[in-house]
């Protein structure tokens, strides 16, 4: 695969060049190592693409996990302890904190990487919420979000998020004082 687009959110590119210039080539090597054609394994059952062979997001995610892990990157999971003091008086929850966690796909040093082939909301959540949470917990200070370019996403099931969407949203949203530096990488076959 190739990097077909780069967008620097809140100084993401400069932060990576200053703090992690040695890790960016590793990430680019991982992207190049994933052979997209090996993951065009999903036969569509959607009306608009019935019978068409599509790229499988779950298969692509496994390939990225293998490639990142081989280079010493690992996932980081934090367990959630939900607060109950905000329930209304008299309310009792029947189940609470049963295995709730948040996970960063890959971390090395204090650089976090998320690979997103899912729905649009997850892409925005990664950059605008999850990465900030992991920074506040002292796990990362900078992030990279890897997403497909639109023409690649069009060869997956409907609803898969893509590079052009997040770039537009982040430009329209602007930055907030809690945002961390993030480099968005758009990938294609």
Protein backbone atom coordinates (compact mmCIF):
# COMPACT_ATOMS: atom_id res chain seq x y z
CA UNK A 1 0.00 0.00 0.00
CA UNK A 2 1.04 3.62 -0.35
CA UNK A 3 0.60 6.88 1.52
CA UNK A 4 -1.55 8.90 -0.87
CA UNK A 5 -2.37 11.84 1.41
CA UNK A 6 -1.03 13.62 4.51
CA UNK A 7 -2.82 16.15 6.68
CA UNK A 8 -1.18 17.76 9.69
CA UNK A 9 -3.69 18.49 12.46
CA UNK A 10 -2.57 20.81 15.26
CA UNK A 11 1.05 20.64 14.14
CA UNK A 12 1.12 16.85 13.86
CA UNK A 13 3.71 16.68 11.09
CA UNK A 14 6.10 19.09 12.84
CA UNK A 15 5.70 17.27 16.18
CA UNK A 16 6.52 13.93 14.58
CA UNK A 17 9.51 15.38 12.74
CA UNK A 18 10.78 16.89 16.02
CA UNK A 19 10.07 13.97 18.39
CA UNK A 20 9.82 10.82 16.26
CA UNK A 21 11.68 11.24 12.97
CA UNK A 22 12.99 7.68 13.44
CA UNK A 23 9.48 6.20 13.82
CA UNK A 24 7.78 7.69 10.76
CA UNK A 25 9.88 5.53 8.36
CA UNK A 26 8.80 2.46 10.37
CA UNK A 27 5.15 3.40 9.89
CA UNK A 28 5.70 3.99 6.17
CA UNK A 29 7.42 0.58 5.98
CA UNK A 30 4.43 -1.08 7.67
CA UNK A 31 2.04 0.56 5.19
CA UNK A 32 4.20 -0.58 2.25
CA UNK A 33 4.34 -4.12 3.65
CA UNK A 34 0.56 -4.58 3.62
CA UNK A 35 -0.38 -6.07 0.24
CA UNK A 36 -3.94 -4.89 -0.37
CA UNK A 37 -4.67 -7.47 -3.06
CA UNK A 38 -4.34 -10.22 -0.42
CA UNK A 39 -7.32 -8.70 1.42
CA UNK A 40 -9.85 -8.38 -1.40
CA UNK A 41 -11.70 -11.35 0.06
CA UNK A 42 -15.14 -10.09 1.03
CA UNK A 43 -18.04 -10.84 -1.30
CA UNK A 44 -20.60 -8.06 -1.03
CA UNK A 45 -24.19 -8.82 -0.07
CA UNK A 46 -25.21 -5.15 -0.35
CA UNK A 47 -27.82 -4.33 -3.01
CA UNK A 48 -25.65 -1.71 -4.68
CA UNK A 49 -22.60 -4.02 -4.91
CA UNK A 50 -24.10 -7.52 -4.88
CA UNK A 51 -21.51 -10.21 -5.59
CA UNK A 52 -18.65 -7.73 -6.01
CA UNK A 53 -15.36 -8.62 -4.30
CA UNK A 54 -14.36 -5.97 -1.76
CA UNK A 55 -11.44 -5.29 0.52
CA UNK A 56 -12.03 -6.77 3.96
CA UNK A 57 -11.45 -4.25 6.77
CA UNK A 58 -10.97 -7.00 9.36
CA UNK A 59 -8.39 -8.76 7.19
CA UNK A 60 -6.57 -5.46 6.56
CA UNK A 61 -6.58 -4.72 10.31
CA UNK A 62 -5.00 -8.12 11.04
CA UNK A 63 -2.29 -7.44 8.45
CA UNK A 64 -1.50 -4.05 9.98
CA UNK A 65 -1.40 -5.60 13.46
CA UNK A 66 1.07 -8.28 12.34
CA UNK A 67 3.29 -5.72 10.59
CA UNK A 68 3.28 -3.23 13.48
CA UNK A 69 3.87 -5.95 16.08
CA UNK A 70 6.81 -7.29 14.05
CA UNK A 71 8.42 -3.85 14.38
CA UNK A 72 7.97 -3.70 18.16
CA UNK A 73 4.76 -1.67 18.33
CA UNK A 74 2.10 -2.83 20.79
CA UNK A 75 -1.46 -2.00 21.68
CA UNK A 76 -2.22 -0.23 24.95
CA UNK A 77 -5.42 -0.86 26.85
CA UNK A 78 -6.74 1.16 29.77
CA UNK A 79 -9.59 -0.07 31.94
CA UNK A 80 -12.49 2.27 32.62
CA UNK A 81 -13.94 2.85 36.03
CA UNK A 82 -17.28 4.47 35.41
CA UNK A 83 -18.60 7.03 37.85
CA UNK A 84 -21.93 6.32 39.53
CA UNK A 85 -22.30 9.56 41.45
CA UNK A 86 -24.02 11.16 38.47
CA UNK A 87 -27.01 8.82 38.45
CA UNK A 88 -30.27 10.31 39.58
CA UNK A 89 -31.32 9.65 43.15
CA UNK A 90 -32.63 6.14 43.64
CA UNK A 91 -31.29 4.73 40.37
CA UNK A 92 -29.14 1.59 40.66
CA UNK A 93 -27.28 0.13 37.70
CA UNK A 94 -27.52 -3.64 37.39
CA UNK A 95 -24.15 -4.09 35.63
CA UNK A 96 -21.21 -1.72 35.77
CA UNK A 97 -17.55 -1.88 34.72
CA UNK A 98 -17.83 -5.34 33.19
CA UNK A 99 -14.69 -5.29 31.11
CA UNK A 100 -14.99 -1.71 29.86
CA UNK A 101 -11.77 -0.40 28.34
CA UNK A 102 -10.28 1.92 25.75
CA UNK A 103 -7.48 0.73 23.49
CA UNK A 104 -4.89 2.46 21.33
CA UNK A 105 -4.04 0.24 18.33
CA UNK A 106 -0.28 0.77 18.43
CA UNK A 107 2.12 2.66 20.70
CA UNK A 108 5.88 3.02 20.61
CA UNK A 109 7.65 5.45 22.89
CA UNK A 110 4.85 8.02 23.30
CA UNK A 111 3.59 8.01 19.71
CA UNK A 112 0.12 6.48 19.23
CA UNK A 113 -1.16 5.06 15.97
CA UNK A 114 -4.75 4.21 15.07
CA UNK A 115 -5.68 2.33 11.89
CA UNK A 116 -9.31 2.96 10.99
CA UNK A 117 -11.31 1.06 8.38
CA UNK A 118 -14.57 1.46 10.27
CA UNK A 119 -17.47 3.82 10.35
CA UNK A 120 -17.01 7.57 10.17
CA UNK A 121 -17.73 8.25 13.85
CA UNK A 122 -14.78 6.11 14.96
CA UNK A 123 -12.31 8.10 12.87
CA UNK A 124 -13.39 11.38 14.46
CA UNK A 125 -13.50 9.79 17.93
CA UNK A 126 -9.92 8.56 17.56
CA UNK A 127 -8.49 12.00 16.79
CA UNK A 128 -10.77 14.25 18.83
CA UNK A 129 -11.31 12.13 21.95
CA UNK A 130 -9.33 8.90 22.31
CA UNK A 131 -5.92 10.39 21.55
CA UNK A 132 -6.57 13.22 24.02
CA UNK A 133 -7.56 10.68 26.70
CA UNK A 134 -4.39 8.66 26.12
CA UNK A 135 -2.33 11.86 26.30
CA UNK A 136 -4.01 12.81 29.59
CA UNK A 137 -3.13 9.34 30.91
CA UNK A 138 0.54 9.89 29.99
CA UNK A 139 0.64 7.13 27.35
CA UNK A 140 1.06 9.24 24.18
CA UNK A 141 1.83 12.85 23.32
CA UNK A 142 1.39 12.71 19.53
CA UNK A 143 -0.75 10.61 17.20
CA UNK A 144 -1.06 9.22 13.71
CA UNK A 145 -4.41 8.23 12.21
CA UNK A 146 -4.22 5.90 9.19
CA UNK A 147 -7.37 5.89 7.04
CA UNK A 148 -8.21 4.96 3.45
CA UNK A 149 -8.42 7.52 0.67
CA UNK A 150 -11.99 7.74 -0.73
CA UNK A 151 -11.27 5.69 -3.85
CA UNK A 152 -9.92 2.88 -1.62
CA UNK A 153 -12.87 3.14 0.81
CA UNK A 154 -15.23 2.88 -2.18
CA UNK A 155 -13.91 -0.64 -2.67
CA UNK A 156 -15.06 -1.66 0.83
CA UNK A 157 -18.52 -1.99 2.37
CA UNK A 158 -20.60 1.18 2.46
CA UNK A 159 -20.05 3.50 5.39
CA UNK A 160 -16.27 3.10 5.70
CA UNK A 161 -14.68 6.41 6.65
CA UNK A 162 -12.04 8.06 4.50
CA UNK A 163 -9.27 10.64 4.46
CA UNK A 164 -11.14 13.40 2.64
CA UNK A 165 -13.95 13.31 5.26
CA UNK A 166 -11.73 13.76 8.27
CA UNK A 167 -9.63 16.46 6.60
CA UNK A 168 -12.75 18.47 5.80
CA UNK A 169 -14.16 18.03 9.30
CA UNK A 170 -10.93 18.95 11.07
CA UNK A 171 -10.45 22.03 8.87
CA UNK A 172 -14.04 23.14 9.50
CA UNK A 173 -13.83 22.35 13.25
CA UNK A 174 -10.45 23.96 13.87
CA UNK A 175 -8.31 23.08 16.86
CA UNK A 176 -9.09 23.28 20.54
CA UNK A 177 -6.68 23.72 23.44
CA UNK A 178 -7.05 20.03 24.37
CA UNK A 179 -6.21 18.64 20.90
CA UNK A 180 -2.91 16.83 20.50
CA UNK A 181 -0.74 16.95 17.38
CA UNK A 182 -1.93 14.30 14.91
CA UNK A 183 -0.75 13.38 11.43
CA UNK A 184 -3.55 11.91 9.29
CA UNK A 185 -2.26 9.50 6.64
CA UNK A 186 -4.54 8.59 3.74
CA UNK A 187 -3.62 5.23 2.21
CA UNK A 188 -4.45 3.55 -1.10
CA UNK A 189 -3.64 0.37 -2.98
